[in-house]
Amino acid sequence: MVPVSLNDSVVKQTKEWQGKSGKPTQKQLDYLKKLAKTVGVALSEDDVSSFESASAAIDRLQKQIKPTEKQIAFARKIAESKGIEIPPEALESKSAMSKWLDRETGNEK
């Protein structure tokens, strides 16, 4: 069984609810607060005003979290073994790195 991260759960839920309006879910709000703390920013009223705003804020904040050293080291091994380059956006964003690693290792969902 593949472990599911909180990020995966929120992304899945966001995809399921795309196009729906209303209040953000408690899971969204909890994850959004965690992301904001990690990035070191304050959330605006708009960020938490609706499901769509919360989803957009989650996407924006996820892109600001840098990949871990372990992710970068693993990516370098993969890139070297395949003779390919790591995309610049993967080196700047943990979520972009995760997507690239999933694609290159065949774990893409």
PDB file of N, CA and C in Angstrom:
ATOM      1  N   MET A   1       0.841  -1.183   0.000  1.00  0.00           N
ATOM      2  CA  MET A   1       0.000   0.000   0.000  1.00  0.00           C
ATOM      3  C   MET A   1       0.886   1.246   0.000  1.00  0.00           C
ATOM      4  N   VAL A   2       0.573   2.178  -0.860  1.00  0.00           N
ATOM      5  CA  VAL A   2       1.328   3.417  -0.967  1.00  0.00           C
ATOM      6  C   VAL A   2       0.790   4.401   0.059  1.00  0.00           C
ATOM      7  N   PRO A   3       1.672   4.982   0.899  1.00  0.00           N
ATOM      8  CA  PRO A   3       1.183   5.946   1.877  1.00  0.00           C
ATOM      9  C   PRO A   3       0.651   7.195   1.190  1.00  0.00           C
ATOM     10  N   VAL A   4      -0.401   7.740   1.732  1.00  0.00           N
ATOM     11  CA  VAL A   4      -1.014   8.953   1.188  1.00  0.00           C
ATOM     12  C   VAL A   4      -0.697  10.099   2.122  1.00  0.00           C
ATOM     13  N   SER A   5      -0.092  11.136   1.584  1.00  0.00           N
ATOM     14  CA  SER A   5       0.236  12.299   2.404  1.00  0.00           C
ATOM     15  C   SER A   5      -0.985  13.206   2.517  1.00  0.00           C
ATOM     16  N   LEU A   6      -0.921  14.104   3.466  1.00  0.00           N
ATOM     17  CA  LEU A   6      -1.985  15.087   3.617  1.00  0.00           C
ATOM     18  C   LEU A   6      -2.135  15.879   2.332  1.00  0.00           C
ATOM     19  N   ASN A   7      -1.008  16.194   1.709  1.00  0.00           N
ATOM     20  CA  ASN A   7      -1.015  16.927   0.457  1.00  0.00           C
ATOM     21  C   ASN A   7      -1.819  16.165  -0.591  1.00  0.00           C
ATOM     22  N   ASP A   8      -1.561  14.844  -0.741  1.00  0.00           N
ATOM     23  CA  ASP A   8      -2.285  14.040  -1.716  1.00  0.00           C
ATOM     24  C   ASP A   8      -3.780  14.062  -1.434  1.00  0.00           C
ATOM     25  N   SER A   9      -4.130  13.968  -0.169  1.00  0.00           N
ATOM     26  CA  SER A   9      -5.525  13.959   0.234  1.00  0.00           C
ATOM     27  C   SER A   9      -6.221  15.258  -0.147  1.00  0.00           C
ATOM     28  N   VAL A  10      -5.573  16.382   0.141  1.00  0.00           N
ATOM     29  CA  VAL A  10      -6.156  17.684  -0.169  1.00  0.00           C
ATOM     30  C   VAL A  10      -6.248  17.876  -1.676  1.00  0.00           C
ATOM     31  N   VAL A  11      -5.202  17.478  -2.403  1.00  0.00           N
ATOM     32  CA  VAL A  11      -5.220  17.624  -3.858  1.00  0.00           C
ATOM     33  C   VAL A  11      -6.341  16.785  -4.444  1.00  0.00           C
ATOM     34  N   LYS A  12      -6.485  15.530  -3.972  1.00  0.00           N
ATOM     35  CA  LYS A  12      -7.553  14.656  -4.462  1.00  0.00           C
ATOM     36  C   LYS A  12      -8.912  15.278  -4.187  1.00  0.00           C
ATOM     37  N   GLN A  13      -9.094  15.763  -2.964  1.00  0.00           N
ATOM     38  CA  GLN A  13     -10.360  16.368  -2.601  1.00  0.00           C
ATOM     39  C   GLN A  13     -10.614  17.619  -3.435  1.00  0.00           C
ATOM     40  N   THR A  14      -9.569  18.394  -3.676  1.00  0.00           N
ATOM     41  CA  THR A  14      -9.711  19.598  -4.491  1.00  0.00           C
ATOM     42  C   THR A  14     -10.158  19.240  -5.898  1.00  0.00           C
ATOM     43  N   LYS A  15      -9.572  18.199  -6.477  1.00  0.00           N
ATOM     44  CA  LYS A  15      -9.960  17.780  -7.823  1.00  0.00           C
ATOM     45  C   LYS A  15     -11.409  17.316  -7.855  1.00  0.00           C
ATOM     46  N   GLU A  16     -11.828  16.596  -6.813  1.00  0.00           N
ATOM     47  CA  GLU A  16     -13.196  16.100  -6.752  1.00  0.00           C
ATOM     48  C   GLU A  16     -14.200  17.242  -6.659  1.00  0.00           C
ATOM     49  N   TRP A  17     -13.804  18.331  -5.988  1.00  0.00           N
ATOM     50  CA  TRP A  17     -14.720  19.432  -5.751  1.00  0.00           C
ATOM     51  C   TRP A  17     -14.557  20.579  -6.740  1.00  0.00           C
ATOM     52  N   GLN A  18     -13.652  20.423  -7.713  1.00  0.00           N
ATOM     53  CA  GLN A  18     -13.426  21.518  -8.655  1.00  0.00           C
ATOM     54  C   GLN A  18     -14.747  21.966  -9.264  1.00  0.00           C
ATOM     55  N   GLY A  19     -14.915  23.236  -9.340  1.00  0.00           N
ATOM     56  CA  GLY A  19     -16.121  23.780  -9.934  1.00  0.00           C
ATOM     57  C   GLY A  19     -17.258  23.967  -8.938  1.00  0.00           C
ATOM     58  N   LYS A  20     -17.096  23.484  -7.713  1.00  0.00           N
ATOM     59  CA  LYS A  20     -18.131  23.654  -6.716  1.00  0.00           C
ATOM     60  C   LYS A  20     -17.821  24.902  -5.893  1.00  0.00           C
ATOM     61  N   SER A  21     -18.868  25.501  -5.394  1.00  0.00           N
ATOM     62  CA  SER A  21     -18.655  26.707  -4.596  1.00  0.00           C
ATOM     63  C   SER A  21     -19.045  26.443  -3.148  1.00  0.00           C
ATOM     64  N   GLY A  22     -18.719  27.380  -2.319  1.00  0.00           N
ATOM     65  CA  GLY A  22     -19.070  27.256  -0.917  1.00  0.00           C
ATOM     66  C   GLY A  22     -17.877  27.497  -0.024  1.00  0.00           C
ATOM     67  N   LYS A  23     -18.061  27.127   1.226  1.00  0.00           N
ATOM     68  CA  LYS A  23     -17.025  27.333   2.227  1.00  0.00           C
ATOM     69  C   LYS A  23     -15.905  26.311   2.052  1.00  0.00           C
ATOM     70  N   PRO A  24     -14.692  26.681   2.464  1.00  0.00           N
ATOM     71  CA  PRO A  24     -13.598  25.709   2.440  1.00  0.00           C
ATOM     72  C   PRO A  24     -13.861  24.612   3.468  1.00  0.00           C
ATOM     73  N   THR A  25     -13.347  23.427   3.209  1.00  0.00           N
ATOM     74  CA  THR A  25     -13.498  22.329   4.161  1.00  0.00           C
ATOM     75  C   THR A  25     -12.535  22.535   5.320  1.00  0.00           C
ATOM     76  N   GLN A  26     -12.789  21.841   6.409  1.00  0.00           N
ATOM     77  CA  GLN A  26     -11.891  21.930   7.558  1.00  0.00           C
ATOM     78  C   GLN A  26     -10.506  21.398   7.198  1.00  0.00           C
ATOM     79  N   LYS A  27     -10.462  20.338   6.376  1.00  0.00           N
ATOM     80  CA  LYS A  27      -9.168  19.797   5.947  1.00  0.00           C
ATOM     81  C   LYS A  27      -8.390  20.839   5.154  1.00  0.00           C
ATOM     82  N   GLN A  28      -9.082  21.560   4.275  1.00  0.00           N
ATOM     83  CA  GLN A  28      -8.419  22.625   3.516  1.00  0.00           C
ATOM     84  C   GLN A  28      -7.847  23.675   4.460  1.00  0.00           C
ATOM     85  N   LEU A  29      -8.669  24.112   5.392  1.00  0.00           N
ATOM     86  CA  LEU A  29      -8.232  25.166   6.303  1.00  0.00           C
ATOM     87  C   LEU A  29      -7.041  24.715   7.145  1.00  0.00           C
ATOM     88  N   ASP A  30      -7.102  23.485   7.654  1.00  0.00           N
ATOM     89  CA  ASP A  30      -5.993  22.970   8.463  1.00  0.00           C
ATOM     90  C   ASP A  30      -4.708  22.900   7.640  1.00  0.00           C
ATOM     91  N   TYR A  31      -4.820  22.380   6.427  1.00  0.00           N
ATOM     92  CA  TYR A  31      -3.646  22.249   5.571  1.00  0.00           C
ATOM     93  C   TYR A  31      -3.128  23.622   5.147  1.00  0.00           C
ATOM     94  N   LEU A  32      -4.031  24.529   4.857  1.00  0.00           N
ATOM     95  CA  LEU A  32      -3.662  25.888   4.469  1.00  0.00           C
ATOM     96  C   LEU A  32      -2.899  26.586   5.593  1.00  0.00           C
ATOM     97  N   LYS A  33      -3.354  26.415   6.824  1.00  0.00           N
ATOM     98  CA  LYS A  33      -2.658  27.015   7.978  1.00  0.00           C
ATOM     99  C   LYS A  33      -1.265  26.409   8.134  1.00  0.00           C
ATOM    100  N   LYS A  34      -1.168  25.099   7.943  1.00  0.00           N
ATOM    101  CA  LYS A  34       0.135  24.425   8.037  1.00  0.00           C
ATOM    102  C   LYS A  34       1.086  24.942   6.949  1.00  0.00           C
ATOM    103  N   LEU A  35       0.588  25.072   5.735  1.00  0.00           N
ATOM    104  CA  LEU A  35       1.418  25.598   4.644  1.00  0.00           C
ATOM    105  C   LEU A  35       1.864  27.025   4.921  1.00  0.00           C
ATOM    106  N   ALA A  36       0.945  27.854   5.367  1.00  0.00           N
ATOM    107  CA  ALA A  36       1.264  29.259   5.638  1.00  0.00           C
ATOM    108  C   ALA A  36       2.356  29.355   6.704  1.00  0.00           C
ATOM    109  N   LYS A  37       2.252  28.514   7.727  1.00  0.00           N
ATOM    110  CA  LYS A  37       3.269  28.510   8.780  1.00  0.00           C
ATOM    111  C   LYS A  37       4.615  28.062   8.216  1.00  0.00           C
ATOM    112  N   THR A  38       4.614  27.031   7.382  1.00  0.00           N
ATOM    113  CA  THR A  38       5.841  26.519   6.780  1.00  0.00           C
ATOM    114  C   THR A  38       6.514  27.575   5.908  1.00  0.00           C
ATOM    115  N   VAL A  39       5.712  28.272   5.120  1.00  0.00           N
ATOM    116  CA  VAL A  39       6.242  29.288   4.205  1.00  0.00           C
ATOM    117  C   VAL A  39       6.555  30.585   4.945  1.00  0.00           C
ATOM    118  N   GLY A  40       5.884  30.810   6.066  1.00  0.00           N
ATOM    119  CA  GLY A  40       6.125  32.017   6.849  1.00  0.00           C
ATOM    120  C   GLY A  40       5.331  33.211   6.373  1.00  0.00           C
ATOM    121  N   VAL A  41       4.084  32.954   5.974  1.00  0.00           N
ATOM    122  CA  VAL A  41       3.220  34.042   5.524  1.00  0.00           C
ATOM    123  C   VAL A  41       1.915  34.017   6.305  1.00  0.00           C
ATOM    124  N   ALA A  42       1.245  35.144   6.317  1.00  0.00           N
ATOM    125  CA  ALA A  42      -0.076  35.231   6.938  1.00  0.00           C
ATOM    126  C   ALA A  42      -1.130  35.008   5.868  1.00  0.00           C
ATOM    127  N   LEU A  43      -2.199  34.358   6.248  1.00  0.00           N
ATOM    128  CA  LEU A  43      -3.306  34.144   5.317  1.00  0.00           C
ATOM    129  C   LEU A  43      -4.209  35.368   5.322  1.00  0.00           C
ATOM    130  N   SER A  44      -4.722  35.695   4.168  1.00  0.00           N
ATOM    131  CA  SER A  44      -5.665  36.805   4.074  1.00  0.00           C
ATOM    132  C   SER A  44      -7.082  36.271   4.255  1.00  0.00           C
ATOM    133  N   GLU A  45      -8.002  37.173   4.495  1.00  0.00           N
ATOM    134  CA  GLU A  45      -9.419  36.794   4.593  1.00  0.00           C
ATOM    135  C   GLU A  45      -9.874  36.142   3.294  1.00  0.00           C
ATOM    136  N   ASP A  46      -9.378  36.653   2.182  1.00  0.00           N
ATOM    137  CA  ASP A  46      -9.752  36.094   0.883  1.00  0.00           C
ATOM    138  C   ASP A  46      -9.283  34.645   0.746  1.00  0.00           C
ATOM    139  N   ASP A  47      -8.092  34.324   1.286  1.00  0.00           N
ATOM    140  CA  ASP A  47      -7.554  32.972   1.186  1.00  0.00           C
ATOM    141  C   ASP A  47      -8.489  31.926   1.792  1.00  0.00           C
ATOM    142  N   VAL A  48      -9.240  32.301   2.799  1.00  0.00           N
ATOM    143  CA  VAL A  48     -10.101  31.357   3.510  1.00  0.00           C
ATOM    144  C   VAL A  48     -11.595  31.639   3.294  1.00  0.00           C
ATOM    145  N   SER A  49     -11.912  32.496   2.338  1.00  0.00           N
ATOM    146  CA  SER A  49     -13.302  32.914   2.152  1.00  0.00           C
ATOM    147  C   SER A  49     -14.168  31.912   1.400  1.00  0.00           C
ATOM    148  N   SER A  50     -13.561  31.076   0.569  1.00  0.00           N
ATOM    149  CA  SER A  50     -14.345  30.117  -0.210  1.00  0.00           C
ATOM    150  C   SER A  50     -13.496  28.892  -0.525  1.00  0.00           C
ATOM    151  N   PHE A  51     -14.163  27.864  -0.980  1.00  0.00           N
ATOM    152  CA  PHE A  51     -13.465  26.643  -1.362  1.00  0.00           C
ATOM    153  C   PHE A  51     -12.436  26.944  -2.451  1.00  0.00           C
ATOM    154  N   GLU A  52     -12.856  27.714  -3.456  1.00  0.00           N
ATOM    155  CA  GLU A  52     -11.972  28.032  -4.577  1.00  0.00           C
ATOM    156  C   GLU A  52     -10.775  28.869  -4.141  1.00  0.00           C
ATOM    157  N   SER A  53     -11.012  29.854  -3.282  1.00  0.00           N
ATOM    158  CA  SER A  53      -9.916  30.700  -2.788  1.00  0.00           C
ATOM    159  C   SER A  53      -8.915  29.888  -1.975  1.00  0.00           C
ATOM    160  N   ALA A  54      -9.432  28.993  -1.143  1.00  0.00           N
ATOM    161  CA  ALA A  54      -8.547  28.151  -0.336  1.00  0.00           C
ATOM    162  C   ALA A  54      -7.724  27.234  -1.238  1.00  0.00           C
ATOM    163  N   SER A  55      -8.352  26.671  -2.258  1.00  0.00           N
ATOM    164  CA  SER A  55      -7.630  25.807  -3.202  1.00  0.00           C
ATOM    165  C   SER A  55      -6.525  26.573  -3.912  1.00  0.00           C
ATOM    166  N   ALA A  56      -6.838  27.776  -4.340  1.00  0.00           N
ATOM    167  CA  ALA A  56      -5.835  28.602  -5.028  1.00  0.00           C
ATOM    168  C   ALA A  56      -4.682  28.954  -4.080  1.00  0.00           C
ATOM    169  N   ALA A  57      -5.008  29.260  -2.833  1.00  0.00           N
ATOM    170  CA  ALA A  57      -3.971  29.592  -1.854  1.00  0.00           C
ATOM    171  C   ALA A  57      -3.094  28.373  -1.574  1.00  0.00           C
ATOM    172  N   ILE A  58      -3.695  27.193  -1.485  1.00  0.00           N
ATOM    173  CA  ILE A  58      -2.924  25.961  -1.288  1.00  0.00           C
ATOM    174  C   ILE A  58      -1.959  25.769  -2.448  1.00  0.00           C
ATOM    175  N   ASP A  59      -2.445  25.901  -3.664  1.00  0.00           N
ATOM    176  CA  ASP A  59      -1.577  25.758  -4.839  1.00  0.00           C
ATOM    177  C   ASP A  59      -0.430  26.758  -4.800  1.00  0.00           C
ATOM    178  N   ARG A  60      -0.743  28.002  -4.487  1.00  0.00           N
ATOM    179  CA  ARG A  60       0.266  29.065  -4.450  1.00  0.00           C
ATOM    180  C   ARG A  60       1.329  28.784  -3.385  1.00  0.00           C
ATOM    181  N   LEU A  61       0.905  28.376  -2.209  1.00  0.00           N
ATOM    182  CA  LEU A  61       1.850  28.136  -1.119  1.00  0.00           C
ATOM    183  C   LEU A  61       2.673  26.872  -1.337  1.00  0.00           C
ATOM    184  N   GLN A  62       2.064  25.836  -1.898  1.00  0.00           N
ATOM    185  CA  GLN A  62       2.816  24.609  -2.172  1.00  0.00           C
ATOM    186  C   GLN A  62       3.999  24.888  -3.091  1.00  0.00           C
ATOM    187  N   LYS A  63       3.813  25.776  -4.032  1.00  0.00           N
ATOM    188  CA  LYS A  63       4.879  26.103  -4.984  1.00  0.00           C
ATOM    189  C   LYS A  63       6.041  26.843  -4.327  1.00  0.00           C
ATOM    190  N   GLN A  64       5.810  27.401  -3.134  1.00  0.00           N
ATOM    191  CA  GLN A  64       6.855  28.163  -2.457  1.00  0.00           C
ATOM    192  C   GLN A  64       7.733  27.320  -1.536  1.00  0.00           C
ATOM    193  N   ILE A  65       7.340  26.065  -1.318  1.00  0.00           N
ATOM    194  CA  ILE A  65       8.125  25.192  -0.443  1.00  0.00           C
ATOM    195  C   ILE A  65       9.208  24.522  -1.271  1.00  0.00           C
ATOM    196  N   LYS A  66      10.435  24.668  -0.825  1.00  0.00           N
ATOM    197  CA  LYS A  66      11.594  24.122  -1.545  1.00  0.00           C
ATOM    198  C   LYS A  66      11.654  22.606  -1.394  1.00  0.00           C
ATOM    199  N   PRO A  67      12.196  21.905  -2.395  1.00  0.00           N
ATOM    200  CA  PRO A  67      12.369  20.454  -2.261  1.00  0.00           C
ATOM    201  C   PRO A  67      13.392  20.137  -1.178  1.00  0.00           C
ATOM    202  N   THR A  68      13.281  18.933  -0.611  1.00  0.00           N
ATOM    203  CA  THR A  68      14.223  18.520   0.422  1.00  0.00           C
ATOM    204  C   THR A  68      15.550  18.110  -0.220  1.00  0.00           C
ATOM    205  N   GLU A  69      16.581  18.066   0.595  1.00  0.00           N
ATOM    206  CA  GLU A  69      17.892  17.607   0.100  1.00  0.00           C
ATOM    207  C   GLU A  69      17.807  16.169  -0.391  1.00  0.00           C
ATOM    208  N   LYS A  70      17.008  15.340   0.285  1.00  0.00           N
ATOM    209  CA  LYS A  70      16.838  13.953  -0.149  1.00  0.00           C
ATOM    210  C   LYS A  70      16.177  13.880  -1.517  1.00  0.00           C
ATOM    211  N   GLN A  71      15.167  14.715  -1.742  1.00  0.00           N
ATOM    212  CA  GLN A  71      14.518  14.742  -3.047  1.00  0.00           C
ATOM    213  C   GLN A  71      15.509  15.147  -4.133  1.00  0.00           C
ATOM    214  N   ILE A  72      16.288  16.168  -3.850  1.00  0.00           N
ATOM    215  CA  ILE A  72      17.257  16.657  -4.838  1.00  0.00           C
ATOM    216  C   ILE A  72      18.305  15.592  -5.129  1.00  0.00           C
ATOM    217  N   ALA A  73      18.806  14.934  -4.093  1.00  0.00           N
ATOM    218  CA  ALA A  73      19.813  13.882  -4.291  1.00  0.00           C
ATOM    219  C   ALA A  73      19.230  12.737  -5.114  1.00  0.00           C
ATOM    220  N   PHE A  74      18.008  12.335  -4.815  1.00  0.00           N
ATOM    221  CA  PHE A  74      17.355  11.260  -5.564  1.00  0.00           C
ATOM    222  C   PHE A  74      17.130  11.685  -7.014  1.00  0.00           C
ATOM    223  N   ALA A  75      16.713  12.918  -7.212  1.00  0.00           N
ATOM    224  CA  ALA A  75      16.483  13.433  -8.561  1.00  0.00           C
ATOM    225  C   ALA A  75      17.788  13.441  -9.364  1.00  0.00           C
ATOM    226  N   ARG A  76      18.878  13.816  -8.729  1.00  0.00           N
ATOM    227  CA  ARG A  76      20.172  13.830  -9.419  1.00  0.00           C
ATOM    228  C   ARG A  76      20.576  12.425  -9.854  1.00  0.00           C
ATOM    229  N   LYS A  77      20.337  11.434  -8.995  1.00  0.00           N
ATOM    230  CA  LYS A  77      20.636  10.046  -9.358  1.00  0.00           C
ATOM    231  C   LYS A  77      19.823   9.608 -10.568  1.00  0.00           C
ATOM    232  N   ILE A  78      18.540   9.918 -10.527  1.00  0.00           N
ATOM    233  CA  ILE A  78      17.657   9.547 -11.638  1.00  0.00           C
ATOM    234  C   ILE A  78      18.088  10.245 -12.915  1.00  0.00           C
ATOM    235  N   ALA A  79      18.328  11.548 -12.828  1.00  0.00           N
ATOM    236  CA  ALA A  79      18.719  12.322 -14.007  1.00  0.00           C
ATOM    237  C   ALA A  79      20.020  11.785 -14.596  1.00  0.00           C
ATOM    238  N   GLU A  80      20.978  11.477 -13.740  1.00  0.00           N
ATOM    239  CA  GLU A  80      22.258  10.954 -14.213  1.00  0.00           C
ATOM    240  C   GLU A  80      22.077   9.588 -14.875  1.00  0.00           C
ATOM    241  N   SER A  81      21.290   8.715 -14.256  1.00  0.00           N
ATOM    242  CA  SER A  81      21.109   7.373 -14.809  1.00  0.00           C
ATOM    243  C   SER A  81      20.355   7.392 -16.136  1.00  0.00           C
ATOM    244  N   LYS A  82      19.474   8.373 -16.316  1.00  0.00           N
ATOM    245  CA  LYS A  82      18.690   8.467 -17.554  1.00  0.00           C
ATOM    246  C   LYS A  82      19.304   9.421 -18.575  1.00  0.00           C
ATOM    247  N   GLY A  83      20.337  10.150 -18.157  1.00  0.00           N
ATOM    248  CA  GLY A  83      20.949  11.126 -19.064  1.00  0.00           C
ATOM    249  C   GLY A  83      20.023  12.278 -19.389  1.00  0.00           C
ATOM    250  N   ILE A  84      19.265  12.721 -18.385  1.00  0.00           N
ATOM    251  CA  ILE A  84      18.323  13.829 -18.587  1.00  0.00           C
ATOM    252  C   ILE A  84      18.620  14.938 -17.590  1.00  0.00           C
ATOM    253  N   GLU A  85      17.993  16.078 -17.804  1.00  0.00           N
ATOM    254  CA  GLU A  85      18.134  17.227 -16.914  1.00  0.00           C
ATOM    255  C   GLU A  85      16.939  17.290 -15.960  1.00  0.00           C
ATOM    256  N   ILE A  86      17.195  17.782 -14.776  1.00  0.00           N
ATOM    257  CA  ILE A  86      16.108  18.058 -13.829  1.00  0.00           C
ATOM    258  C   ILE A  86      15.513  19.410 -14.220  1.00  0.00           C
ATOM    259  N   PRO A  87      14.210  19.487 -14.416  1.00  0.00           N
ATOM    260  CA  PRO A  87      13.612  20.780 -14.785  1.00  0.00           C
ATOM    261  C   PRO A  87      13.843  21.827 -13.691  1.00  0.00           C
ATOM    262  N   PRO A  88      14.127  23.061 -14.064  1.00  0.00           N
ATOM    263  CA  PRO A  88      14.381  24.116 -13.077  1.00  0.00           C
ATOM    264  C   PRO A  88      13.254  24.271 -12.060  1.00  0.00           C
ATOM    265  N   GLU A  89      11.994  24.143 -12.503  1.00  0.00           N
ATOM    266  CA  GLU A  89      10.875  24.300 -11.569  1.00  0.00           C
ATOM    267  C   GLU A  89      10.871  23.200 -10.512  1.00  0.00           C
ATOM    268  N   ALA A  90      11.406  22.019 -10.835  1.00  0.00           N
ATOM    269  CA  ALA A  90      11.489  20.934  -9.853  1.00  0.00           C
ATOM    270  C   ALA A  90      12.514  21.262  -8.762  1.00  0.00           C
ATOM    271  N   LEU A  91      13.515  22.032  -9.110  1.00  0.00           N
ATOM    272  CA  LEU A  91      14.528  22.419  -8.118  1.00  0.00           C
ATOM    273  C   LEU A  91      14.064  23.588  -7.246  1.00  0.00           C
ATOM    274  N   GLU A  92      12.968  24.214  -7.622  1.00  0.00           N
ATOM    275  CA  GLU A  92      12.451  25.364  -6.878  1.00  0.00           C
ATOM    276  C   GLU A  92      11.232  25.048  -6.024  1.00  0.00           C
ATOM    277  N   SER A  93      10.539  23.953  -6.318  1.00  0.00           N
ATOM    278  CA  SER A  93       9.284  23.662  -5.634  1.00  0.00           C
ATOM    279  C   SER A  93       9.205  22.195  -5.240  1.00  0.00           C
ATOM    280  N   LYS A  94       8.888  21.956  -3.988  1.00  0.00           N
ATOM    281  CA  LYS A  94       8.754  20.580  -3.492  1.00  0.00           C
ATOM    282  C   LYS A  94       7.649  19.838  -4.246  1.00  0.00           C
ATOM    283  N   SER A  95       6.535  20.501  -4.499  1.00  0.00           N
ATOM    284  CA  SER A  95       5.440  19.837  -5.204  1.00  0.00           C
ATOM    285  C   SER A  95       5.819  19.526  -6.647  1.00  0.00           C
ATOM    286  N   ALA A  96       6.528  20.446  -7.307  1.00  0.00           N
ATOM    287  CA  ALA A  96       6.976  20.186  -8.678  1.00  0.00           C
ATOM    288  C   ALA A  96       7.997  19.050  -8.696  1.00  0.00           C
ATOM    289  N   MET A  97       8.867  19.017  -7.692  1.00  0.00           N
ATOM    290  CA  MET A  97       9.853  17.939  -7.597  1.00  0.00           C
ATOM    291  C   MET A  97       9.150  16.606  -7.403  1.00  0.00           C
ATOM    292  N   SER A  98       8.160  16.569  -6.530  1.00  0.00           N
ATOM    293  CA  SER A  98       7.420  15.328  -6.289  1.00  0.00           C
ATOM    294  C   SER A  98       6.771  14.829  -7.573  1.00  0.00           C
ATOM    295  N   LYS A  99       6.173  15.734  -8.320  1.00  0.00           N
ATOM    296  CA  LYS A  99       5.528  15.344  -9.586  1.00  0.00           C
ATOM    297  C   LYS A  99       6.556  14.803 -10.571  1.00  0.00           C
ATOM    298  N   TRP A 100       7.713  15.457 -10.652  1.00  0.00           N
ATOM    299  CA  TRP A 100       8.758  15.015 -11.573  1.00  0.00           C
ATOM    300  C   TRP A 100       9.290  13.647 -11.151  1.00  0.00           C
ATOM    301  N   LEU A 101       9.540  13.481  -9.861  1.00  0.00           N
ATOM    302  CA  LEU A 101      10.028  12.180  -9.365  1.00  0.00           C
ATOM    303  C   LEU A 101       9.002  11.085  -9.611  1.00  0.00           C
ATOM    304  N   ASP A 102       7.743  11.356  -9.365  1.00  0.00           N
ATOM    305  CA  ASP A 102       6.699  10.359  -9.626  1.00  0.00           C
ATOM    306  C   ASP A 102       6.672   9.964 -11.094  1.00  0.00           C
ATOM    307  N   ARG A 103       6.779  10.950 -11.961  1.00  0.00           N
ATOM    308  CA  ARG A 103       6.747  10.666 -13.406  1.00  0.00           C
ATOM    309  C   ARG A 103       7.974   9.847 -13.820  1.00  0.00           C
ATOM    310  N   GLU A 104       9.134  10.226 -13.328  1.00  0.00           N
ATOM    311  CA  GLU A 104      10.372   9.549 -13.738  1.00  0.00           C
ATOM    312  C   GLU A 104      10.538   8.169 -13.120  1.00  0.00           C
ATOM    313  N   THR A 105       9.869   7.910 -11.986  1.00  0.00           N
ATOM    314  CA  THR A 105       9.976   6.591 -11.357  1.00  0.00           C
ATOM    315  C   THR A 105       8.791   5.700 -11.679  1.00  0.00           C
ATOM    316  N   GLY A 106       7.856   6.214 -12.467  1.00  0.00           N
ATOM    317  CA  GLY A 106       6.683   5.426 -12.845  1.00  0.00           C
ATOM    318  C   GLY A 106       5.612   5.363 -11.779  1.00  0.00           C
ATOM    319  N   ASN A 107       5.686   6.266 -10.796  1.00  0.00           N
ATOM    320  CA  ASN A 107       4.687   6.292  -9.715  1.00  0.00           C
ATOM    321  C   ASN A 107       3.627   7.357  -9.926  1.00  0.00           C
ATOM    322  N   GLU A 108       3.534   7.866 -11.150  1.00  0.00           N
ATOM    323  CA  GLU A 108       2.587   8.931 -11.432  1.00  0.00           C
ATOM    324  C   GLU A 108       1.160   8.398 -11.284  1.00  0.00           C
ATOM    325  N   LYS A 109       0.314   9.204 -10.666  1.00  0.00           N
ATOM    326  CA  LYS A 109      -1.086   8.797 -10.434  1.00  0.00           C
ATOM    327  C   LYS A 109      -1.977   9.285 -11.513  1.00  0.00           C
TER     328      LYS A 109
END
